[in-house]
PDB file of all heavy atoms in Angstrom:
ATOM      1  N   ALA A   1       0.795  -1.214   0.019  1.00  0.00           N
ATOM      2  CA  ALA A   1      -0.010  -0.011  -0.005  1.00  0.00           C
ATOM      3  C   ALA A   1       0.853   1.293   0.010  1.00  0.00           C
ATOM      4  O   ALA A   1       0.298   2.381  -0.014  1.00  0.00           O
ATOM      5  CB  ALA A   1      -0.921   0.004   1.226  1.00  0.00           C
ATOM      6  N   PHE A   2       2.178   1.104   0.033  1.00  0.00           N
ATOM      7  CA  PHE A   2       3.044   2.269  -0.054  1.00  0.00           C
ATOM      8  C   PHE A   2       3.285   2.636  -1.531  1.00  0.00           C
ATOM      9  O   PHE A   2       4.047   1.975  -2.231  1.00  0.00           O
ATOM     10  CB  PHE A   2       4.386   1.969   0.638  1.00  0.00           C
ATOM     11  CG  PHE A   2       5.343   3.112   0.595  1.00  0.00           C
ATOM     12  CD1 PHE A   2       5.218   4.238   1.413  1.00  0.00           C
ATOM     13  CD2 PHE A   2       6.456   3.033  -0.324  1.00  0.00           C
ATOM     14  CE1 PHE A   2       6.166   5.240   1.298  1.00  0.00           C
ATOM     15  CE2 PHE A   2       7.354   4.112  -0.376  1.00  0.00           C
ATOM     16  CZ  PHE A   2       7.208   5.194   0.446  1.00  0.00           C
ATOM     17  N   MET A   3       2.556   3.576  -2.020  1.00  0.00           N
ATOM     18  CA  MET A   3       2.783   3.946  -3.433  1.00  0.00           C
ATOM     19  C   MET A   3       2.664   5.502  -3.637  1.00  0.00           C
ATOM     20  O   MET A   3       1.794   5.974  -4.357  1.00  0.00           O
ATOM     21  CB  MET A   3       1.759   3.203  -4.329  1.00  0.00           C
ATOM     22  CG  MET A   3       0.380   3.211  -3.881  1.00  0.00           C
ATOM     23  SD  MET A   3      -0.730   2.409  -5.102  1.00  0.00           S
ATOM     24  CE  MET A   3      -0.194   0.669  -5.029  1.00  0.00           C
ATOM     25  N   PRO A   4       3.530   6.254  -2.961  1.00  0.00           N
ATOM     26  CA  PRO A   4       3.530   7.694  -3.161  1.00  0.00           C
ATOM     27  C   PRO A   4       3.964   8.148  -4.549  1.00  0.00           C
ATOM     28  O   PRO A   4       3.717   9.289  -4.919  1.00  0.00           O
ATOM     29  CB  PRO A   4       4.558   8.223  -2.129  1.00  0.00           C
ATOM     30  CG  PRO A   4       5.503   7.027  -1.945  1.00  0.00           C
ATOM     31  CD  PRO A   4       4.627   5.798  -2.036  1.00  0.00           C
ATOM     32  N   PHE A   5       4.569   7.200  -5.316  1.00  0.00           N
ATOM     33  CA  PHE A   5       4.975   7.541  -6.678  1.00  0.00           C
ATOM     34  C   PHE A   5       4.010   7.066  -7.690  1.00  0.00           C
ATOM     35  O   PHE A   5       4.297   7.026  -8.895  1.00  0.00           O
ATOM     36  CB  PHE A   5       6.361   6.913  -6.964  1.00  0.00           C
ATOM     37  CG  PHE A   5       7.433   7.402  -6.054  1.00  0.00           C
ATOM     38  CD1 PHE A   5       7.907   6.638  -4.979  1.00  0.00           C
ATOM     39  CD2 PHE A   5       8.046   8.613  -6.252  1.00  0.00           C
ATOM     40  CE1 PHE A   5       8.911   7.114  -4.143  1.00  0.00           C
ATOM     41  CE2 PHE A   5       9.024   9.136  -5.434  1.00  0.00           C
ATOM     42  CZ  PHE A   5       9.467   8.354  -4.376  1.00  0.00           C
ATOM     43  N   SER A   6       2.775   6.687  -7.251  1.00  0.00           N
ATOM     44  CA  SER A   6       1.804   6.077  -8.117  1.00  0.00           C
ATOM     45  C   SER A   6       2.192   4.687  -8.501  1.00  0.00           C
ATOM     46  O   SER A   6       3.034   4.017  -7.848  1.00  0.00           O
ATOM     47  CB  SER A   6       1.517   6.986  -9.336  1.00  0.00           C
ATOM     48  OG  SER A   6       0.351   6.538 -10.027  1.00  0.00           O
ATOM     49  N   ALA A   7       1.688   4.137  -9.615  1.00  0.00           N
ATOM     50  CA  ALA A   7       1.955   2.779 -10.008  1.00  0.00           C
ATOM     51  C   ALA A   7       1.700   2.590 -11.513  1.00  0.00           C
ATOM     52  O   ALA A   7       1.139   3.458 -12.128  1.00  0.00           O
ATOM     53  CB  ALA A   7       1.082   1.797  -9.186  1.00  0.00           C
ATOM     54  N   GLY A   8       2.134   1.430 -12.037  1.00  0.00           N
ATOM     55  CA  GLY A   8       1.856   1.103 -13.337  1.00  0.00           C
ATOM     56  C   GLY A   8       2.786   1.698 -14.348  1.00  0.00           C
ATOM     57  O   GLY A   8       3.861   2.192 -13.972  1.00  0.00           O
ATOM     58  N   ARG A   9       2.382   1.759 -15.634  1.00  0.00           N
ATOM     59  CA  ARG A   9       3.311   2.252 -16.684  1.00  0.00           C
ATOM     60  C   ARG A   9       3.641   3.718 -16.535  1.00  0.00           C
ATOM     61  O   ARG A   9       4.592   4.198 -17.020  1.00  0.00           O
ATOM     62  CB  ARG A   9       2.634   2.001 -18.059  1.00  0.00           C
ATOM     63  CG  ARG A   9       2.470   0.525 -18.455  1.00  0.00           C
ATOM     64  CD  ARG A   9       1.734   0.356 -19.711  1.00  0.00           C
ATOM     65  NE  ARG A   9       2.437   0.962 -20.812  1.00  0.00           N
ATOM     66  CZ  ARG A   9       1.904   1.135 -22.026  1.00  0.00           C
ATOM     67  NH1 ARG A   9       0.668   0.790 -22.303  1.00  0.00           N
ATOM     68  NH2 ARG A   9       2.614   1.739 -23.023  1.00  0.00           N
ATOM     69  N   ARG A  10       2.769   4.490 -15.855  1.00  0.00           N
ATOM     70  CA  ARG A  10       2.961   5.908 -15.715  1.00  0.00           C
ATOM     71  C   ARG A  10       3.461   6.262 -14.279  1.00  0.00           C
ATOM     72  O   ARG A  10       3.210   7.352 -13.809  1.00  0.00           O
ATOM     73  CB  ARG A  10       1.672   6.662 -16.008  1.00  0.00           C
ATOM     74  CG  ARG A  10       1.292   6.562 -17.456  1.00  0.00           C
ATOM     75  CD  ARG A  10       2.344   7.225 -18.379  1.00  0.00           C
ATOM     76  NE  ARG A  10       2.086   6.925 -19.789  1.00  0.00           N
ATOM     77  CZ  ARG A  10       2.854   7.389 -20.791  1.00  0.00           C
ATOM     78  NH1 ARG A  10       3.881   8.121 -20.524  1.00  0.00           N
ATOM     79  NH2 ARG A  10       2.605   7.027 -22.009  1.00  0.00           N
ATOM     80  N   VAL A  11       4.090   5.323 -13.637  1.00  0.00           N
ATOM     81  CA  VAL A  11       4.691   5.595 -12.277  1.00  0.00           C
ATOM     82  C   VAL A  11       5.706   6.699 -12.463  1.00  0.00           C
ATOM     83  O   VAL A  11       6.257   6.924 -13.554  1.00  0.00           O
ATOM     84  CB  VAL A  11       5.339   4.315 -11.743  1.00  0.00           C
ATOM     85  CG1 VAL A  11       6.542   3.914 -12.567  1.00  0.00           C
ATOM     86  CG2 VAL A  11       5.709   4.487 -10.268  1.00  0.00           C
ATOM     87  N   CYS A  12       5.937   7.451 -11.412  1.00  0.00           N
ATOM     88  CA  CYS A  12       6.836   8.605 -11.468  1.00  0.00           C
ATOM     89  C   CYS A  12       8.211   8.220 -12.043  1.00  0.00           C
ATOM     90  O   CYS A  12       8.856   7.330 -11.596  1.00  0.00           O
ATOM     91  CB  CYS A  12       7.075   9.159 -10.037  1.00  0.00           C
ATOM     92  SG  CYS A  12       8.300  10.496  -9.978  1.00  0.00           S
ATOM     93  N   ALA A  13       8.565   8.925 -13.096  1.00  0.00           N
ATOM     94  CA  ALA A  13       9.861   8.650 -13.821  1.00  0.00           C
ATOM     95  C   ALA A  13      11.063   8.875 -12.969  1.00  0.00           C
ATOM     96  O   ALA A  13      12.105   8.262 -13.134  1.00  0.00           O
ATOM     97  CB  ALA A  13       9.952   9.516 -15.088  1.00  0.00           C
ATOM     98  N   GLY A  14      10.958   9.726 -11.928  1.00  0.00           N
ATOM     99  CA  GLY A  14      12.098  10.021 -11.093  1.00  0.00           C
ATOM    100  C   GLY A  14      12.098   9.330  -9.768  1.00  0.00           C
ATOM    101  O   GLY A  14      12.765   9.763  -8.813  1.00  0.00           O
ATOM    102  N   GLU A  15      11.340   8.207  -9.635  1.00  0.00           N
ATOM    103  CA  GLU A  15      11.224   7.548  -8.342  1.00  0.00           C
ATOM    104  C   GLU A  15      12.552   7.166  -7.763  1.00  0.00           C
ATOM    105  O   GLU A  15      12.814   7.455  -6.564  1.00  0.00           O
ATOM    106  CB  GLU A  15      10.363   6.263  -8.522  1.00  0.00           C
ATOM    107  CG  GLU A  15      10.183   5.462  -7.240  1.00  0.00           C
ATOM    108  CD  GLU A  15       9.349   4.263  -7.408  1.00  0.00           C
ATOM    109  OE1 GLU A  15       8.758   4.031  -8.499  1.00  0.00           O
ATOM    110  OE2 GLU A  15       9.202   3.456  -6.397  1.00  0.00           O
ATOM    111  N   ASN A  16      13.500   6.524  -8.504  1.00  0.00           N
ATOM    112  CA  ASN A  16      14.727   6.149  -7.963  1.00  0.00           C
ATOM    113  C   ASN A  16      15.563   7.321  -7.486  1.00  0.00           C
ATOM    114  O   ASN A  16      16.247   7.277  -6.469  1.00  0.00           O
ATOM    115  CB  ASN A  16      15.522   5.304  -8.980  1.00  0.00           C
ATOM    116  CG  ASN A  16      14.888   3.977  -9.211  1.00  0.00           C
ATOM    117  OD1 ASN A  16      14.205   3.427  -8.369  1.00  0.00           O
ATOM    118  ND2 ASN A  16      15.121   3.356 -10.385  1.00  0.00           N
ATOM    119  N   LEU A  17      15.516   8.395  -8.283  1.00  0.00           N
ATOM    120  CA  LEU A  17      16.268   9.615  -7.880  1.00  0.00           C
ATOM    121  C   LEU A  17      15.700  10.216  -6.609  1.00  0.00           C
ATOM    122  O   LEU A  17      16.477  10.595  -5.686  1.00  0.00           O
ATOM    123  CB  LEU A  17      16.207  10.633  -9.051  1.00  0.00           C
ATOM    124  CG  LEU A  17      16.838  11.995  -8.770  1.00  0.00           C
ATOM    125  CD1 LEU A  17      18.370  11.823  -8.579  1.00  0.00           C
ATOM    126  CD2 LEU A  17      16.594  12.947  -9.962  1.00  0.00           C
ATOM    127  N   ALA A  18      14.380  10.250  -6.474  1.00  0.00           N
ATOM    128  CA  ALA A  18      13.755  10.888  -5.284  1.00  0.00           C
ATOM    129  C   ALA A  18      14.079  10.058  -4.078  1.00  0.00           C
ATOM    130  O   ALA A  18      14.399  10.573  -2.983  1.00  0.00           O
ATOM    131  CB  ALA A  18      12.230  10.941  -5.503  1.00  0.00           C
ATOM    132  N   LYS A  19      14.042   8.751  -4.173  1.00  0.00           N
ATOM    133  CA  LYS A  19      14.363   7.893  -3.063  1.00  0.00           C
ATOM    134  C   LYS A  19      15.782   8.114  -2.562  1.00  0.00           C
ATOM    135  O   LYS A  19      16.049   8.155  -1.353  1.00  0.00           O
ATOM    136  CB  LYS A  19      14.178   6.395  -3.427  1.00  0.00           C
ATOM    137  CG  LYS A  19      12.695   5.951  -3.512  1.00  0.00           C
ATOM    138  CD  LYS A  19      12.650   4.480  -3.895  1.00  0.00           C
ATOM    139  CE  LYS A  19      11.235   4.008  -3.981  1.00  0.00           C
ATOM    140  NZ  LYS A  19      11.170   2.599  -4.449  1.00  0.00           N
ATOM    141  N   MET A  20      16.697   8.214  -3.486  1.00  0.00           N
ATOM    142  CA  MET A  20      18.112   8.439  -3.165  1.00  0.00           C
ATOM    143  C   MET A  20      18.278   9.798  -2.481  1.00  0.00           C
ATOM    144  O   MET A  20      18.961   9.886  -1.492  1.00  0.00           O
ATOM    145  CB  MET A  20      18.963   8.347  -4.465  1.00  0.00           C
ATOM    146  CG  MET A  20      20.498   8.465  -4.219  1.00  0.00           C
ATOM    147  SD  MET A  20      21.398   8.383  -5.737  1.00  0.00           S
ATOM    148  CE  MET A  20      21.392   6.698  -6.176  1.00  0.00           C
ATOM    149  N   GLU A  21      17.654  10.839  -3.041  1.00  0.00           N
ATOM    150  CA  GLU A  21      17.767  12.187  -2.495  1.00  0.00           C
ATOM    151  C   GLU A  21      17.208  12.230  -1.064  1.00  0.00           C
ATOM    152  O   GLU A  21      17.857  12.746  -0.135  1.00  0.00           O
ATOM    153  CB  GLU A  21      17.036  13.179  -3.321  1.00  0.00           C
ATOM    154  CG  GLU A  21      17.693  13.480  -4.655  1.00  0.00           C
ATOM    155  CD  GLU A  21      16.919  14.575  -5.384  1.00  0.00           C
ATOM    156  OE1 GLU A  21      16.934  15.751  -4.928  1.00  0.00           O
ATOM    157  OE2 GLU A  21      16.261  14.297  -6.422  1.00  0.00           O
ATOM    158  N   LEU A  22      16.034  11.626  -0.820  1.00  0.00           N
ATOM    159  CA  LEU A  22      15.431  11.689   0.422  1.00  0.00           C
ATOM    160  C   LEU A  22      16.263  11.042   1.543  1.00  0.00           C
ATOM    161  O   LEU A  22      16.474  11.587   2.619  1.00  0.00           O
ATOM    162  CB  LEU A  22      14.011  11.023   0.438  1.00  0.00           C
ATOM    163  CG  LEU A  22      12.932  11.849  -0.303  1.00  0.00           C
ATOM    164  CD1 LEU A  22      11.659  11.010  -0.444  1.00  0.00           C
ATOM    165  CD2 LEU A  22      12.646  13.115   0.441  1.00  0.00           C
ATOM    166  N   PHE A  23      16.780   9.821   1.224  1.00  0.00           N
ATOM    167  CA  PHE A  23      17.587   9.154   2.217  1.00  0.00           C
ATOM    168  C   PHE A  23      18.851   9.921   2.528  1.00  0.00           C
ATOM    169  O   PHE A  23      19.260  10.114   3.680  1.00  0.00           O
ATOM    170  CB  PHE A  23      17.947   7.739   1.709  1.00  0.00           C
ATOM    171  CG  PHE A  23      18.814   6.950   2.689  1.00  0.00           C
ATOM    172  CD1 PHE A  23      18.283   6.380   3.822  1.00  0.00           C
ATOM    173  CD2 PHE A  23      20.161   6.833   2.513  1.00  0.00           C
ATOM    174  CE1 PHE A  23      18.986   5.690   4.749  1.00  0.00           C
ATOM    175  CE2 PHE A  23      20.941   6.131   3.397  1.00  0.00           C
ATOM    176  CZ  PHE A  23      20.380   5.568   4.492  1.00  0.00           C
ATOM    177  N   LEU A  24      19.540  10.393   1.481  1.00  0.00           N
ATOM    178  CA  LEU A  24      20.889  11.059   1.648  1.00  0.00           C
ATOM    179  C   LEU A  24      20.715  12.434   2.326  1.00  0.00           C
ATOM    180  O   LEU A  24      21.478  12.750   3.231  1.00  0.00           O
ATOM    181  CB  LEU A  24      21.598  11.174   0.317  1.00  0.00           C
ATOM    182  CG  LEU A  24      22.098   9.867  -0.321  1.00  0.00           C
ATOM    183  CD1 LEU A  24      22.709  10.106  -1.670  1.00  0.00           C
ATOM    184  CD2 LEU A  24      23.083   9.116   0.594  1.00  0.00           C
ATOM    185  N   PHE A  25      19.740  13.227   1.895  1.00  0.00           N
ATOM    186  CA  PHE A  25      19.548  14.513   2.522  1.00  0.00           C
ATOM    187  C   PHE A  25      19.126  14.341   3.985  1.00  0.00           C
ATOM    188  O   PHE A  25      19.655  15.026   4.877  1.00  0.00           O
ATOM    189  CB  PHE A  25      18.536  15.343   1.773  1.00  0.00           C
ATOM    190  CG  PHE A  25      19.024  16.101   0.560  1.00  0.00           C
ATOM    191  CD1 PHE A  25      18.601  15.815  -0.685  1.00  0.00           C
ATOM    192  CD2 PHE A  25      19.984  17.075   0.739  1.00  0.00           C
ATOM    193  CE1 PHE A  25      19.120  16.527  -1.785  1.00  0.00           C
ATOM    194  CE2 PHE A  25      20.531  17.809  -0.346  1.00  0.00           C
ATOM    195  CZ  PHE A  25      20.047  17.498  -1.585  1.00  0.00           C
ATOM    196  N   PHE A  26      18.199  13.444   4.225  1.00  0.00           N
ATOM    197  CA  PHE A  26      17.665  13.268   5.574  1.00  0.00           C
ATOM    198  C   PHE A  26      18.747  12.783   6.560  1.00  0.00           C
ATOM    199  O   PHE A  26      18.893  13.358   7.626  1.00  0.00           O
ATOM    200  CB  PHE A  26      16.452  12.247   5.520  1.00  0.00           C
ATOM    201  CG  PHE A  26      15.821  12.035   6.863  1.00  0.00           C
ATOM    202  CD1 PHE A  26      15.060  12.975   7.524  1.00  0.00           C
ATOM    203  CD2 PHE A  26      15.958  10.806   7.506  1.00  0.00           C
ATOM    204  CE1 PHE A  26      14.470  12.782   8.713  1.00  0.00           C
ATOM    205  CE2 PHE A  26      15.373  10.529   8.741  1.00  0.00           C
ATOM    206  CZ  PHE A  26      14.624  11.508   9.276  1.00  0.00           C
ATOM    207  N   THR A  27      19.476  11.735   6.140  1.00  0.00           N
ATOM    208  CA  THR A  27      20.460  11.196   7.072  1.00  0.00           C
ATOM    209  C   THR A  27      21.615  12.222   7.257  1.00  0.00           C
ATOM    210  O   THR A  27      22.168  12.348   8.359  1.00  0.00           O
ATOM    211  CB  THR A  27      21.011   9.871   6.576  1.00  0.00           C
ATOM    212  OG1 THR A  27      21.483  10.027   5.210  1.00  0.00           O
ATOM    213  CG2 THR A  27      19.998   8.777   6.694  1.00  0.00           C
ATOM    214  N   SER A  28      21.998  12.961   6.229  1.00  0.00           N
ATOM    215  CA  SER A  28      23.078  13.953   6.324  1.00  0.00           C
ATOM    216  C   SER A  28      22.663  15.052   7.302  1.00  0.00           C
ATOM    217  O   SER A  28      23.492  15.488   8.132  1.00  0.00           O
ATOM    218  CB  SER A  28      23.416  14.536   4.956  1.00  0.00           C
ATOM    219  OG  SER A  28      23.908  13.568   4.106  1.00  0.00           O
ATOM    220  N   LEU A  29      21.405  15.456   7.234  1.00  0.00           N
ATOM    221  CA  LEU A  29      20.932  16.559   8.097  1.00  0.00           C
ATOM    222  C   LEU A  29      20.873  16.082   9.559  1.00  0.00           C
ATOM    223  O   LEU A  29      21.295  16.845  10.452  1.00  0.00           O
ATOM    224  CB  LEU A  29      19.554  17.013   7.672  1.00  0.00           C
ATOM    225  CG  LEU A  29      19.516  17.852   6.350  1.00  0.00           C
ATOM    226  CD1 LEU A  29      18.092  18.122   5.922  1.00  0.00           C
ATOM    227  CD2 LEU A  29      20.259  19.169   6.520  1.00  0.00           C
ATOM    228  N   LEU A  30      20.338  14.911   9.831  1.00  0.00           N
ATOM    229  CA  LEU A  30      20.209  14.429  11.191  1.00  0.00           C
ATOM    230  C   LEU A  30      21.584  13.955  11.772  1.00  0.00           C
ATOM    231  O   LEU A  30      21.735  13.889  12.962  1.00  0.00           O
ATOM    232  CB  LEU A  30      19.192  13.311  11.286  1.00  0.00           C
ATOM    233  CG  LEU A  30      17.839  13.808  11.728  1.00  0.00           C
ATOM    234  CD1 LEU A  30      17.220  14.752  10.716  1.00  0.00           C
ATOM    235  CD2 LEU A  30      16.867  12.704  12.032  1.00  0.00           C
ATOM    236  N   GLN A  31      22.473  13.653  10.899  1.00  0.00           N
ATOM    237  CA  GLN A  31      23.875  13.362  11.377  1.00  0.00           C
ATOM    238  C   GLN A  31      24.510  14.572  11.950  1.00  0.00           C
ATOM    239  O   GLN A  31      25.290  14.495  12.920  1.00  0.00           O
ATOM    240  CB  GLN A  31      24.702  12.817  10.170  1.00  0.00           C
ATOM    241  CG  GLN A  31      26.069  12.382  10.550  1.00  0.00           C
ATOM    242  CD  GLN A  31      26.858  11.933   9.305  1.00  0.00           C
ATOM    243  OE1 GLN A  31      26.951  12.730   8.313  1.00  0.00           O
ATOM    244  NE2 GLN A  31      27.460  10.762   9.302  1.00  0.00           N
ATOM    245  N   LYS A  32      24.224  15.750  11.328  1.00  0.00           N
ATOM    246  CA  LYS A  32      24.896  16.974  11.724  1.00  0.00           C
ATOM    247  C   LYS A  32      24.125  17.800  12.782  1.00  0.00           C
ATOM    248  O   LYS A  32      24.718  18.507  13.608  1.00  0.00           O
ATOM    249  CB  LYS A  32      25.048  17.927  10.474  1.00  0.00           C
ATOM    250  CG  LYS A  32      26.153  17.444   9.585  1.00  0.00           C
ATOM    251  CD  LYS A  32      27.488  18.110   9.993  1.00  0.00           C
ATOM    252  CE  LYS A  32      28.518  17.858   8.945  1.00  0.00           C
ATOM    253  NZ  LYS A  32      29.831  18.506   9.340  1.00  0.00           N
ATOM    254  N   PHE A  33      22.774  17.773  12.766  1.00  0.00           N
ATOM    255  CA  PHE A  33      21.933  18.632  13.513  1.00  0.00           C
ATOM    256  C   PHE A  33      20.828  17.897  14.302  1.00  0.00           C
ATOM    257  O   PHE A  33      20.419  16.848  13.947  1.00  0.00           O
ATOM    258  CB  PHE A  33      21.249  19.678  12.633  1.00  0.00           C
ATOM    259  CG  PHE A  33      22.194  20.493  11.759  1.00  0.00           C
ATOM    260  CD1 PHE A  33      22.247  20.186  10.389  1.00  0.00           C
ATOM    261  CD2 PHE A  33      22.906  21.509  12.248  1.00  0.00           C
ATOM    262  CE1 PHE A  33      23.108  20.907   9.567  1.00  0.00           C
ATOM    263  CE2 PHE A  33      23.772  22.256  11.449  1.00  0.00           C
ATOM    264  CZ  PHE A  33      23.873  21.949  10.064  1.00  0.00           C
ATOM    265  N   THR A  34      20.423  18.586  15.408  1.00  0.00           N
ATOM    266  CA  THR A  34      19.221  18.249  16.048  1.00  0.00           C
ATOM    267  C   THR A  34      18.240  19.425  15.793  1.00  0.00           C
ATOM    268  O   THR A  34      18.652  20.563  16.069  1.00  0.00           O
ATOM    269  CB  THR A  34      19.399  18.051  17.565  1.00  0.00           C
ATOM    270  OG1 THR A  34      20.242  16.917  17.825  1.00  0.00           O
ATOM    271  CG2 THR A  34      18.022  17.821  18.271  1.00  0.00           C
TER     272      THR A  34
END
C-alpha cells in the first residue's frame, strides 16, 4: 500500500532519484543537527 509515486506504466519517472535524495539529505541533516 506504499505507493507515493503512483503505480503502473505511468509511475513517477524520477522515483529512484527521489528515493536516493530523500535518504541522503535526511540522514546527512540528522547526522549533523538536532
